[in-house]
Amino acid sequence: MKILIENLKNNNLKVTPQRLTIYNYLYYNHIHPSAETIYNSIKEQNPTISLATVYKTLKSLRDSGLVQEINVGEDSFRYDVQLTPHSHIICTKCNSVFDYFPKENFIDNIQDDVSKDTGFELNSHQMYFYGTCKSCLKK
């Protein structure tokens, strides 16, 4: 918990119980949850928290660079506390999202190619892979 408090303070965010609860949930649950998933998971232990508070907190965590917002083709965004450059794999059957850390230079090489081909100076990217996860394949 101490590292979460330090991260919030170092990013000029006030340490509130709601912010700490939401950040803690993201930090220890690498399931790439939506705001609704987070809300439904924490509301029993935090009955005064609202869905609006979850959305506002996620926005402040995203804007401060403590979480990334990912769009996996659903009606809502998902959130990822893992900030190391990586891609995501989405199961098209169960909608689970998994982190994929490609081999060194894989993403850099693609980003260099895109920059050279288009003349863009790139500052970020998102890469998604779609398929069926091991659990769904077993069913």
Foldseek 3Di string as FASTA:
>chain_A
DVVLCVVCVVLVHDDDPLLSLLLVCQVPDQFQAFLVVSCVVCCVVVVVDDSVSSVVSVVSCCVSPQWPWACPPDPTITIHRDNDDWAWEAEPPPRTIDTGRDDPCPVVVVVVVVCVVPVDDDDDDYDYHYHHDPVRVVD
